[in-house]
Amino acid sequence: DVVVHVGSAVRFANESSTDSASVNSDDFPNNSKYTELNLGIFQKGSTLVHIFNTPGEYTYHDQFSPEHQGSIQVQ
């Protein structure tokens, strides 16, 4: 869980032991709460970046392992 300012970039890193991970908006399994966070699948050792331009709290999960989750508070 992190707090960032509007306009900040957040980097998601796949440091897991699995080959693939994903960043998807809550609610699991529909991923429809914050559709801009449906960043998709990325491979082990790679990263995804998203810039948050709107204040609010954004919650997300890994579609393959939904217990891996977090939130981003944008101020």
PDB file of N, CA and C in Angstrom:
ATOM      1  N   ASP A   1       0.844  -1.179   0.000  1.00  0.00           N
ATOM      2  CA  ASP A   1       0.000   0.000   0.000  1.00  0.00           C
ATOM      3  C   ASP A   1       0.887   1.240   0.000  1.00  0.00           C
ATOM      4  N   VAL A   2       0.559   2.190  -0.857  1.00  0.00           N
ATOM      5  CA  VAL A   2       1.371   3.404  -0.969  1.00  0.00           C
ATOM      6  C   VAL A   2       0.479   4.634  -1.070  1.00  0.00           C
ATOM      7  N   VAL A   3       1.072   5.789  -0.767  1.00  0.00           N
ATOM      8  CA  VAL A   3       0.431   7.088  -0.932  1.00  0.00           C
ATOM      9  C   VAL A   3       1.289   7.891  -1.896  1.00  0.00           C
ATOM     10  N   VAL A   4       0.657   8.456  -2.944  1.00  0.00           N
ATOM     11  CA  VAL A   4       1.386   9.243  -3.941  1.00  0.00           C
ATOM     12  C   VAL A   4       0.600  10.514  -4.237  1.00  0.00           C
ATOM     13  N   HIS A   5       1.256  11.445  -4.908  1.00  0.00           N
ATOM     14  CA  HIS A   5       0.616  12.689  -5.336  1.00  0.00           C
ATOM     15  C   HIS A   5       0.052  12.528  -6.744  1.00  0.00           C
ATOM     16  N   VAL A   6      -0.977  13.309  -7.044  1.00  0.00           N
ATOM     17  CA  VAL A   6      -1.548  13.323  -8.395  1.00  0.00           C
ATOM     18  C   VAL A   6      -0.419  13.558  -9.400  1.00  0.00           C
ATOM     19  N   GLY A   7      -0.415  12.818 -10.481  1.00  0.00           N
ATOM     20  CA  GLY A   7       0.618  12.919 -11.507  1.00  0.00           C
ATOM     21  C   GLY A   7       1.806  12.002 -11.289  1.00  0.00           C
ATOM     22  N   SER A   8       1.803  11.268 -10.189  1.00  0.00           N
ATOM     23  CA  SER A   8       2.911  10.353  -9.888  1.00  0.00           C
ATOM     24  C   SER A   8       2.796   9.068 -10.686  1.00  0.00           C
ATOM     25  N   ALA A   9       3.951   8.519 -11.010  1.00  0.00           N
ATOM     26  CA  ALA A   9       4.021   7.218 -11.675  1.00  0.00           C
ATOM     27  C   ALA A   9       4.295   6.157 -10.621  1.00  0.00           C
ATOM     28  N   VAL A  10       3.579   5.050 -10.721  1.00  0.00           N
ATOM     29  CA  VAL A  10       3.790   3.903  -9.831  1.00  0.00           C
ATOM     30  C   VAL A  10       4.277   2.748 -10.687  1.00  0.00           C
ATOM     31  N   ARG A  11       5.361   2.134 -10.251  1.00  0.00           N
ATOM     32  CA  ARG A  11       5.949   1.010 -10.975  1.00  0.00           C
ATOM     33  C   ARG A  11       5.599  -0.288 -10.256  1.00  0.00           C
ATOM     34  N   PHE A  12       5.016  -1.219 -11.002  1.00  0.00           N
ATOM     35  CA  PHE A  12       4.683  -2.547 -10.508  1.00  0.00           C
ATOM     36  C   PHE A  12       5.749  -3.496 -11.035  1.00  0.00           C
ATOM     37  N   ALA A  13       6.396  -4.235 -10.141  1.00  0.00           N
ATOM     38  CA  ALA A  13       7.466  -5.154 -10.528  1.00  0.00           C
ATOM     39  C   ALA A  13       7.036  -6.592 -10.263  1.00  0.00           C
ATOM     40  N   ASN A  14       7.280  -7.456 -11.232  1.00  0.00           N
ATOM     41  CA  ASN A  14       7.014  -8.880 -11.044  1.00  0.00           C
ATOM     42  C   ASN A  14       8.272  -9.520 -10.476  1.00  0.00           C
ATOM     43  N   GLU A  15       8.310  -9.612  -9.159  1.00  0.00           N
ATOM     44  CA  GLU A  15       9.439 -10.228  -8.466  1.00  0.00           C
ATOM     45  C   GLU A  15       9.027 -11.573  -7.873  1.00  0.00           C
ATOM     46  N   SER A  16       7.961 -12.140  -8.405  1.00  0.00           N
ATOM     47  CA  SER A  16       7.445 -13.401  -7.886  1.00  0.00           C
ATOM     48  C   SER A  16       8.240 -14.586  -8.418  1.00  0.00           C
ATOM     49  N   SER A  17       7.913 -15.741  -7.904  1.00  0.00           N
ATOM     50  CA  SER A  17       8.579 -16.958  -8.373  1.00  0.00           C
ATOM     51  C   SER A  17       7.860 -17.553  -9.585  1.00  0.00           C
ATOM     52  N   THR A  18       6.723 -16.977  -9.960  1.00  0.00           N
ATOM     53  CA  THR A  18       5.982 -17.479 -11.125  1.00  0.00           C
ATOM     54  C   THR A  18       6.389 -16.713 -12.376  1.00  0.00           C
ATOM     55  N   ASP A  19       6.174 -17.315 -13.520  1.00  0.00           N
ATOM     56  CA  ASP A  19       6.565 -16.684 -14.778  1.00  0.00           C
ATOM     57  C   ASP A  19       5.731 -15.469 -15.118  1.00  0.00           C
ATOM     58  N   SER A  20       4.437 -15.476 -14.764  1.00  0.00           N
ATOM     59  CA  SER A  20       3.547 -14.381 -15.134  1.00  0.00           C
ATOM     60  C   SER A  20       2.788 -13.865 -13.926  1.00  0.00           C
ATOM     61  N   ALA A  21       2.542 -12.564 -13.938  1.00  0.00           N
ATOM     62  CA  ALA A  21       1.706 -11.903 -12.940  1.00  0.00           C
ATOM     63  C   ALA A  21       0.848 -10.898 -13.689  1.00  0.00           C
ATOM     64  N   SER A  22      -0.108 -10.311 -12.999  1.00  0.00           N
ATOM     65  CA  SER A  22      -0.931  -9.291 -13.632  1.00  0.00           C
ATOM     66  C   SER A  22      -1.263  -8.209 -12.623  1.00  0.00           C
ATOM     67  N   VAL A  23      -1.614  -7.048 -13.145  1.00  0.00           N
ATOM     68  CA  VAL A  23      -2.163  -5.971 -12.322  1.00  0.00           C
ATOM     69  C   VAL A  23      -3.568  -5.748 -12.842  1.00  0.00           C
ATOM     70  N   ASN A  24      -4.543  -5.977 -11.962  1.00  0.00           N
ATOM     71  CA  ASN A  24      -5.941  -5.806 -12.335  1.00  0.00           C
ATOM     72  C   ASN A  24      -6.690  -5.061 -11.241  1.00  0.00           C
ATOM     73  N   SER A  25      -7.613  -4.230 -11.671  1.00  0.00           N
ATOM     74  CA  SER A  25      -8.475  -3.499 -10.763  1.00  0.00           C
ATOM     75  C   SER A  25      -9.302  -4.452  -9.922  1.00  0.00           C
ATOM     76  N   ASP A  26      -9.629  -4.014  -8.711  1.00  0.00           N
ATOM     77  CA  ASP A  26     -10.652  -4.744  -7.975  1.00  0.00           C
ATOM     78  C   ASP A  26     -11.966  -4.498  -8.685  1.00  0.00           C
ATOM     79  N   ASP A  27     -12.920  -5.145  -8.639  1.00  0.00           N
ATOM     80  CA  ASP A  27     -13.309  -6.274  -7.859  1.00  0.00           C
ATOM     81  C   ASP A  27     -13.016  -7.580  -8.605  1.00  0.00           C
ATOM     82  N   PHE A  28     -12.440  -8.527  -7.880  1.00  0.00           N
ATOM     83  CA  PHE A  28     -12.122  -9.838  -8.452  1.00  0.00           C
ATOM     84  C   PHE A  28     -13.409 -10.627  -8.586  1.00  0.00           C
ATOM     85  N   PRO A  29     -13.680 -11.326  -9.659  1.00  0.00           N
ATOM     86  CA  PRO A  29     -12.853 -11.520 -10.847  1.00  0.00           C
ATOM     87  C   PRO A  29     -13.213 -10.585 -12.000  1.00  0.00           C
ATOM     88  N   ASN A  30     -14.127  -9.628 -11.754  1.00  0.00           N
ATOM     89  CA  ASN A  30     -14.612  -8.764 -12.840  1.00  0.00           C
ATOM     90  C   ASN A  30     -13.655  -7.653 -13.256  1.00  0.00           C
ATOM     91  N   ASN A  31     -12.828  -7.179 -12.331  1.00  0.00           N
ATOM     92  CA  ASN A  31     -11.824  -6.146 -12.618  1.00  0.00           C
ATOM     93  C   ASN A  31     -12.450  -4.870 -13.179  1.00  0.00           C
ATOM     94  N   SER A  32     -13.580  -4.462 -12.614  1.00  0.00           N
ATOM     95  CA  SER A  32     -14.316  -3.343 -13.204  1.00  0.00           C
ATOM     96  C   SER A  32     -14.353  -2.072 -12.371  1.00  0.00           C
ATOM     97  N   LYS A  33     -13.798  -2.079 -11.182  1.00  0.00           N
ATOM     98  CA  LYS A  33     -13.893  -0.922 -10.292  1.00  0.00           C
ATOM     99  C   LYS A  33     -13.060   0.258 -10.780  1.00  0.00           C
ATOM    100  N   TYR A  34     -11.842   0.023 -11.216  1.00  0.00           N
ATOM    101  CA  TYR A  34     -10.925   1.059 -11.722  1.00  0.00           C
ATOM    102  C   TYR A  34     -10.310   0.531 -13.014  1.00  0.00           C
ATOM    103  N   THR A  35     -11.014   0.600 -14.109  1.00  0.00           N
ATOM    104  CA  THR A  35     -10.585  -0.071 -15.336  1.00  0.00           C
ATOM    105  C   THR A  35      -9.218   0.391 -15.828  1.00  0.00           C
ATOM    106  N   GLU A  36      -8.791   1.608 -15.468  1.00  0.00           N
ATOM    107  CA  GLU A  36      -7.463   2.062 -15.897  1.00  0.00           C
ATOM    108  C   GLU A  36      -6.343   1.263 -15.241  1.00  0.00           C
ATOM    109  N   LEU A  37      -6.674   0.495 -14.198  1.00  0.00           N
ATOM    110  CA  LEU A  37      -5.667  -0.346 -13.543  1.00  0.00           C
ATOM    111  C   LEU A  37      -5.616  -1.758 -14.105  1.00  0.00           C
ATOM    112  N   ASN A  38      -6.349  -2.043 -15.143  1.00  0.00           N
ATOM    113  CA  ASN A  38      -6.254  -3.345 -15.798  1.00  0.00           C
ATOM    114  C   ASN A  38      -5.061  -3.302 -16.753  1.00  0.00           C
ATOM    115  N   LEU A  39      -3.877  -3.401 -16.156  1.00  0.00           N
ATOM    116  CA  LEU A  39      -2.626  -3.247 -16.904  1.00  0.00           C
ATOM    117  C   LEU A  39      -2.191  -4.513 -17.608  1.00  0.00           C
ATOM    118  N   GLY A  40      -2.786  -5.636 -17.237  1.00  0.00           N
ATOM    119  CA  GLY A  40      -2.504  -6.871 -17.939  1.00  0.00           C
ATOM    120  C   GLY A  40      -1.393  -7.700 -17.353  1.00  0.00           C
ATOM    121  N   ILE A  41      -0.958  -8.646 -18.151  1.00  0.00           N
ATOM    122  CA  ILE A  41       0.033  -9.649 -17.756  1.00  0.00           C
ATOM    123  C   ILE A  41       1.437  -9.134 -18.029  1.00  0.00           C
ATOM    124  N   PHE A  42       2.352  -9.409 -17.091  1.00  0.00           N
ATOM    125  CA  PHE A  42       3.756  -9.110 -17.333  1.00  0.00           C
ATOM    126  C   PHE A  42       4.616 -10.221 -16.764  1.00  0.00           C
ATOM    127  N   GLN A  43       5.738 -10.430 -17.393  1.00  0.00           N
ATOM    128  CA  GLN A  43       6.594 -11.577 -17.116  1.00  0.00           C
ATOM    129  C   GLN A  43       7.502 -11.342 -15.912  1.00  0.00           C
ATOM    130  N   LYS A  44       7.970 -12.436 -15.344  1.00  0.00           N
ATOM    131  CA  LYS A  44       8.904 -12.408 -14.223  1.00  0.00           C
ATOM    132  C   LYS A  44      10.104 -11.529 -14.578  1.00  0.00           C
ATOM    133  N   GLY A  45      10.461 -10.633 -13.673  1.00  0.00           N
ATOM    134  CA  GLY A  45      11.610  -9.752 -13.882  1.00  0.00           C
ATOM    135  C   GLY A  45      11.275  -8.469 -14.621  1.00  0.00           C
ATOM    136  N   SER A  46      10.035  -8.298 -15.080  1.00  0.00           N
ATOM    137  CA  SER A  46       9.680  -7.079 -15.804  1.00  0.00           C
ATOM    138  C   SER A  46       8.800  -6.171 -14.946  1.00  0.00           C
ATOM    139  N   THR A  47       8.527  -4.972 -15.444  1.00  0.00           N
ATOM    140  CA  THR A  47       7.740  -3.990 -14.706  1.00  0.00           C
ATOM    141  C   THR A  47       6.658  -3.376 -15.596  1.00  0.00           C
ATOM    142  N   LEU A  48       5.664  -2.822 -14.945  1.00  0.00           N
ATOM    143  CA  LEU A  48       4.630  -2.014 -15.586  1.00  0.00           C
ATOM    144  C   LEU A  48       4.580  -0.679 -14.855  1.00  0.00           C
ATOM    145  N   VAL A  49       4.248   0.390 -15.567  1.00  0.00           N
ATOM    146  CA  VAL A  49       4.166   1.713 -14.959  1.00  0.00           C
ATOM    147  C   VAL A  49       2.808   2.313 -15.273  1.00  0.00           C
ATOM    148  N   HIS A  50       2.208   2.947 -14.267  1.00  0.00           N
ATOM    149  CA  HIS A  50       0.936   3.658 -14.460  1.00  0.00           C
ATOM    150  C   HIS A  50       1.042   5.021 -13.788  1.00  0.00           C
ATOM    151  N   ILE A  51       0.570   6.063 -14.467  1.00  0.00           N
ATOM    152  CA  ILE A  51       0.545   7.421 -13.915  1.00  0.00           C
ATOM    153  C   ILE A  51      -0.861   7.695 -13.407  1.00  0.00           C
ATOM    154  N   PHE A  52      -0.955   8.138 -12.163  1.00  0.00           N
ATOM    155  CA  PHE A  52      -2.235   8.414 -11.519  1.00  0.00           C
ATOM    156  C   PHE A  52      -2.526   9.911 -11.583  1.00  0.00           C
ATOM    157  N   ASN A  53      -3.533  10.276 -12.360  1.00  0.00           N
ATOM    158  CA  ASN A  53      -3.876  11.680 -12.566  1.00  0.00           C
ATOM    159  C   ASN A  53      -5.120  12.140 -11.821  1.00  0.00           C
ATOM    160  N   THR A  54      -5.797  11.221 -11.143  1.00  0.00           N
ATOM    161  CA  THR A  54      -7.034  11.557 -10.441  1.00  0.00           C
ATOM    162  C   THR A  54      -6.926  11.133  -8.981  1.00  0.00           C
ATOM    163  N   PRO A  55      -7.225  12.045  -8.037  1.00  0.00           N
ATOM    164  CA  PRO A  55      -7.177  11.675  -6.623  1.00  0.00           C
ATOM    165  C   PRO A  55      -8.166  10.556  -6.301  1.00  0.00           C
ATOM    166  N   GLY A  56      -7.827   9.769  -5.294  1.00  0.00           N
ATOM    167  CA  GLY A  56      -8.710   8.704  -4.832  1.00  0.00           C
ATOM    168  C   GLY A  56      -7.910   7.522  -4.334  1.00  0.00           C
ATOM    169  N   GLU A  57      -8.622   6.486  -3.917  1.00  0.00           N
ATOM    170  CA  GLU A  57      -7.977   5.247  -3.495  1.00  0.00           C
ATOM    171  C   GLU A  57      -8.254   4.179  -4.540  1.00  0.00           C
ATOM    172  N   TYR A  58      -7.204   3.551  -5.012  1.00  0.00           N
ATOM    173  CA  TYR A  58      -7.280   2.539  -6.060  1.00  0.00           C
ATOM    174  C   TYR A  58      -6.811   1.210  -5.480  1.00  0.00           C
ATOM    175  N   THR A  59      -7.663   0.207  -5.566  1.00  0.00           N
ATOM    176  CA  THR A  59      -7.296  -1.117  -5.072  1.00  0.00           C
ATOM    177  C   THR A  59      -7.130  -2.060  -6.258  1.00  0.00           C
ATOM    178  N   TYR A  60      -6.206  -2.997  -6.112  1.00  0.00           N
ATOM    179  CA  TYR A  60      -5.847  -3.881  -7.221  1.00  0.00           C
ATOM    180  C   TYR A  60      -5.441  -5.249  -6.697  1.00  0.00           C
ATOM    181  N   HIS A  61      -5.299  -6.193  -7.617  1.00  0.00           N
ATOM    182  CA  HIS A  61      -4.883  -7.557  -7.287  1.00  0.00           C
ATOM    183  C   HIS A  61      -4.206  -8.183  -8.506  1.00  0.00           C
ATOM    184  N   ASP A  62      -3.605  -9.330  -8.280  1.00  0.00           N
ATOM    185  CA  ASP A  62      -3.043 -10.161  -9.341  1.00  0.00           C
ATOM    186  C   ASP A  62      -4.130 -11.166  -9.721  1.00  0.00           C
ATOM    187  N   GLN A  63      -4.577 -11.149 -10.952  1.00  0.00           N
ATOM    188  CA  GLN A  63      -5.666 -12.022 -11.395  1.00  0.00           C
ATOM    189  C   GLN A  63      -5.327 -13.502 -11.206  1.00  0.00           C
ATOM    190  N   PHE A  64      -4.038 -13.858 -11.319  1.00  0.00           N
ATOM    191  CA  PHE A  64      -3.614 -15.249 -11.151  1.00  0.00           C
ATOM    192  C   PHE A  64      -3.562 -15.658  -9.681  1.00  0.00           C
ATOM    193  N   SER A  65      -3.276 -14.705  -8.802  1.00  0.00           N
ATOM    194  CA  SER A  65      -3.185 -14.942  -7.355  1.00  0.00           C
ATOM    195  C   SER A  65      -3.882 -13.782  -6.644  1.00  0.00           C
ATOM    196  N   PRO A  66      -5.211 -13.790  -6.584  1.00  0.00           N
ATOM    197  CA  PRO A  66      -5.948 -12.642  -6.062  1.00  0.00           C
ATOM    198  C   PRO A  66      -5.650 -12.285  -4.608  1.00  0.00           C
ATOM    199  N   GLU A  67      -5.007 -13.190  -3.881  1.00  0.00           N
ATOM    200  CA  GLU A  67      -4.605 -12.834  -2.518  1.00  0.00           C
ATOM    201  C   GLU A  67      -3.443 -11.836  -2.526  1.00  0.00           C
ATOM    202  N   HIS A  68      -2.777 -11.687  -3.651  1.00  0.00           N
ATOM    203  CA  HIS A  68      -1.744 -10.647  -3.811  1.00  0.00           C
ATOM    204  C   HIS A  68      -2.465  -9.381  -4.230  1.00  0.00           C
ATOM    205  N   GLN A  69      -2.544  -8.441  -3.327  1.00  0.00           N
ATOM    206  CA  GLN A  69      -3.348  -7.246  -3.556  1.00  0.00           C
ATOM    207  C   GLN A  69      -2.722  -6.044  -2.881  1.00  0.00           C
ATOM    208  N   GLY A  70      -3.226  -4.880  -3.224  1.00  0.00           N
ATOM    209  CA  GLY A  70      -2.726  -3.658  -2.609  1.00  0.00           C
ATOM    210  C   GLY A  70      -3.634  -2.493  -2.912  1.00  0.00           C
ATOM    211  N   SER A  71      -3.229  -1.328  -2.396  1.00  0.00           N
ATOM    212  CA  SER A  71      -3.989  -0.111  -2.655  1.00  0.00           C
ATOM    213  C   SER A  71      -3.034   1.053  -2.853  1.00  0.00           C
ATOM    214  N   ILE A  72      -3.503   2.008  -3.624  1.00  0.00           N
ATOM    215  CA  ILE A  72      -2.742   3.221  -3.886  1.00  0.00           C
ATOM    216  C   ILE A  72      -3.638   4.402  -3.573  1.00  0.00           C
ATOM    217  N   GLN A  73      -3.203   5.215  -2.631  1.00  0.00           N
ATOM    218  CA  GLN A  73      -3.929   6.428  -2.266  1.00  0.00           C
ATOM    219  C   GLN A  73      -3.299   7.583  -3.029  1.00  0.00           C
ATOM    220  N   VAL A  74      -4.094   8.237  -3.870  1.00  0.00           N
ATOM    221  CA  VAL A  74      -3.593   9.351  -4.686  1.00  0.00           C
ATOM    222  C   VAL A  74      -4.150  10.639  -4.109  1.00  0.00           C
ATOM    223  N   GLN A  75      -3.241  11.546  -3.704  1.00  0.00           N
ATOM    224  CA  GLN A  75      -3.634  12.817  -3.079  1.00  0.00           C
ATOM    225  C   GLN A  75      -3.259  14.003  -3.945  1.00  0.00           C
TER     226      GLN A  75
END
